């Protein structure tokens, strides 16, 4: 049985502190992974929570390795987003994710250039998040992300537009 909290209760919940990665290859395409826990076509960029005592950049480099298998030495950090971006989960997911403690995520995004070879990418990590991956252009990725994250992805791509050109 799924618990769905009343909207007034959800609004009182905090956002989960998180990072996101716009990982660009030499052709300017973005790394995206198909979520392993989804029964439909749900792709996203690497992202994850910030552990206590971690800086956002430290969390981003940890998530890079955890979700893609890529060693941080194979990327160059290009830029950090100028602000935190938030998104709210749909009400029916609030009780199912993160123990019902968060209404959504507040994310700091990092644009990174992948300097390595695709053979370095290994999504079969200790705790896999993705069952397949691809390099995509921003428009395709916006189309394939879950709808409640589209505005966030659009804002991220707008902020890093000069790097995506």
Protein backbone atom coordinates (compact mmCIF):
# COMPACT_ATOMS: atom_id res chain seq x y z
CA UNK A 1 0.00 0.00 0.00
CA UNK A 2 1.31 3.44 -0.93
CA UNK A 3 0.85 6.32 1.47
CA UNK A 4 -0.02 9.66 -0.07
CA UNK A 5 0.35 12.56 2.36
CA UNK A 6 -2.03 15.51 2.20
CA UNK A 7 -0.55 18.47 0.24
CA UNK A 8 -0.34 20.61 3.39
CA UNK A 9 1.83 17.95 5.07
CA UNK A 10 4.04 17.61 1.98
CA UNK A 11 4.60 21.38 1.83
CA UNK A 12 6.12 21.26 5.33
CA UNK A 13 8.74 18.70 4.33
CA UNK A 14 12.27 19.89 3.47
CA UNK A 15 14.10 19.33 0.20
CA UNK A 16 16.82 16.68 0.03
CA UNK A 17 20.24 18.27 -0.62
CA UNK A 18 21.56 16.79 -3.83
CA UNK A 19 23.96 17.24 -6.74
CA UNK A 20 23.55 16.63 -10.44
CA UNK A 21 26.11 16.13 -13.22
CA UNK A 22 26.02 17.30 -16.81
CA UNK A 23 28.74 15.03 -18.16
CA UNK A 24 29.76 16.08 -21.68
CA UNK A 25 31.76 14.04 -24.15
CA UNK A 26 34.10 15.51 -26.78
CA UNK A 27 31.16 15.80 -29.22
CA UNK A 28 29.12 17.85 -26.75
CA UNK A 29 26.62 15.09 -25.99
CA UNK A 30 25.40 14.44 -22.44
CA UNK A 31 25.67 11.19 -20.52
CA UNK A 32 22.24 9.79 -19.61
CA UNK A 33 21.23 6.54 -17.98
CA UNK A 34 18.00 4.58 -18.07
CA UNK A 35 16.89 4.18 -14.45
CA UNK A 36 17.12 0.57 -13.33
CA UNK A 37 14.10 0.94 -11.02
CA UNK A 38 11.72 2.16 -13.72
CA UNK A 39 9.36 0.05 -15.78
CA UNK A 40 9.09 2.76 -18.43
CA UNK A 41 11.52 4.84 -20.48
CA UNK A 42 12.96 7.09 -17.73
CA UNK A 43 16.40 8.50 -18.45
CA UNK A 44 18.36 10.95 -16.34
CA UNK A 45 21.77 12.43 -15.74
CA UNK A 46 23.79 11.18 -12.76
CA UNK A 47 22.64 12.70 -9.49
CA UNK A 48 22.52 11.91 -5.81
CA UNK A 49 22.41 13.08 -2.25
CA UNK A 50 25.08 15.03 -0.43
CA UNK A 51 26.41 13.08 2.55
CA UNK A 52 27.00 14.82 5.87
CA UNK A 53 30.35 16.61 5.83
CA UNK A 54 30.64 16.57 2.02
CA UNK A 55 30.89 19.62 -0.16
CA UNK A 56 28.69 19.62 -3.26
CA UNK A 57 31.75 19.06 -5.48
CA UNK A 58 32.92 16.12 -3.37
CA UNK A 59 29.41 14.62 -3.63
CA UNK A 60 29.38 15.16 -7.40
CA UNK A 61 32.70 13.37 -7.88
CA UNK A 62 31.57 10.51 -5.61
CA UNK A 63 28.28 10.18 -7.53
CA UNK A 64 30.23 10.21 -10.81
CA UNK A 65 32.15 7.13 -9.73
CA UNK A 66 29.18 5.41 -8.05
CA UNK A 67 26.81 5.77 -11.00
CA UNK A 68 29.11 5.64 -14.04
CA UNK A 69 32.27 3.91 -12.83
CA UNK A 70 34.26 6.87 -14.18
CA UNK A 71 37.28 7.92 -12.13
CA UNK A 72 37.24 11.65 -11.28
CA UNK A 73 40.68 11.98 -12.92
CA UNK A 74 38.92 11.39 -16.28
CA UNK A 75 36.82 14.55 -16.02
CA UNK A 76 37.44 18.27 -15.91
CA UNK A 77 34.97 20.32 -13.90
CA UNK A 78 33.83 23.16 -16.15
CA UNK A 79 31.37 25.01 -13.95
CA UNK A 80 29.09 24.82 -10.93
CA UNK A 81 25.53 26.12 -11.23
CA UNK A 82 25.02 29.61 -9.86
CA UNK A 83 22.11 28.55 -7.68
CA UNK A 84 20.32 25.61 -6.13
CA UNK A 85 17.48 24.26 -8.27
CA UNK A 86 14.53 22.51 -6.65
CA UNK A 87 11.86 20.17 -7.84
CA UNK A 88 8.89 18.64 -6.04
CA UNK A 89 8.03 14.98 -6.25
CA UNK A 90 4.52 14.05 -7.34
CA UNK A 91 2.42 13.51 -4.19
CA UNK A 92 2.12 9.75 -4.78
CA UNK A 93 5.94 9.37 -4.67
CA UNK A 94 6.62 11.37 -1.50
CA UNK A 95 5.83 8.45 0.80
CA UNK A 96 7.76 5.96 -1.35
CA UNK A 97 11.13 7.74 -1.71
CA UNK A 98 13.69 8.61 0.96
CA UNK A 99 11.49 7.32 3.76
CA UNK A 100 8.89 10.04 3.16
CA UNK A 101 11.20 12.63 4.73
CA UNK A 102 11.54 14.97 1.71
CA UNK A 103 9.17 16.75 -0.66
CA UNK A 104 11.71 16.75 -3.47
CA UNK A 105 15.29 17.72 -4.09
CA UNK A 106 17.37 20.88 -3.99
CA UNK A 107 20.20 20.34 -6.42
CA UNK A 108 23.55 21.95 -7.17
CA UNK A 109 24.62 21.07 -10.71
CA UNK A 110 28.10 20.60 -12.17
CA UNK A 111 29.10 20.64 -15.82
CA UNK A 112 32.02 18.29 -16.49
CA UNK A 113 33.96 17.32 -19.59
CA UNK A 114 34.69 13.61 -19.92
CA UNK A 115 38.31 13.29 -21.12
CA UNK A 116 38.38 9.51 -21.18
CA UNK A 117 37.22 6.73 -23.45
CA UNK A 118 33.75 5.19 -23.41
CA UNK A 119 35.34 1.91 -22.31
CA UNK A 120 35.86 3.54 -18.88
CA UNK A 121 32.10 3.76 -18.35
CA UNK A 122 30.82 0.92 -16.22
CA UNK A 123 27.25 1.21 -14.97
CA UNK A 124 27.41 -2.22 -13.32
CA UNK A 125 28.63 -0.64 -10.10
CA UNK A 126 28.25 -1.79 -6.48
CA UNK A 127 24.72 -0.31 -6.33
CA UNK A 128 23.67 0.17 -9.97
CA UNK A 129 21.30 3.02 -10.80
CA UNK A 130 21.12 2.46 -14.57
CA UNK A 131 20.52 -0.58 -16.78
CA UNK A 132 21.78 1.13 -19.95
CA UNK A 133 23.32 4.43 -20.95
CA UNK A 134 23.77 6.68 -23.99
CA UNK A 135 25.17 10.01 -25.08
CA UNK A 136 22.24 12.34 -25.86
CA UNK A 137 21.61 15.86 -26.98
CA UNK A 138 19.71 18.13 -24.56
CA UNK A 139 16.41 18.03 -26.50
CA UNK A 140 16.32 14.23 -26.53
CA UNK A 141 17.13 14.06 -22.84
CA UNK A 142 14.43 16.61 -21.93
CA UNK A 143 11.95 14.45 -23.87
CA UNK A 144 13.04 11.27 -22.04
CA UNK A 145 13.23 12.57 -18.46
CA UNK A 146 10.29 12.04 -16.11
CA UNK A 147 7.89 14.98 -16.48
CA UNK A 148 8.34 16.34 -12.94
CA UNK A 149 12.07 16.94 -13.62
CA UNK A 150 11.69 18.65 -17.01
CA UNK A 151 11.68 22.22 -15.69
CA UNK A 152 14.83 21.52 -13.68
CA UNK A 153 16.61 20.01 -16.67
CA UNK A 154 15.55 22.97 -18.84
CA UNK A 155 16.97 25.38 -16.25
CA UNK A 156 20.23 23.41 -16.03
CA UNK A 157 20.62 23.38 -19.81
CA UNK A 158 19.84 27.11 -19.99
CA UNK A 159 22.50 27.87 -17.38
CA UNK A 160 25.13 25.76 -19.17
CA UNK A 161 23.97 26.71 -22.69
CA UNK A 162 27.37 28.07 -23.73
CA UNK A 163 28.96 24.71 -22.84
CA UNK A 164 26.31 22.73 -24.74
CA UNK A 165 26.68 24.67 -28.01
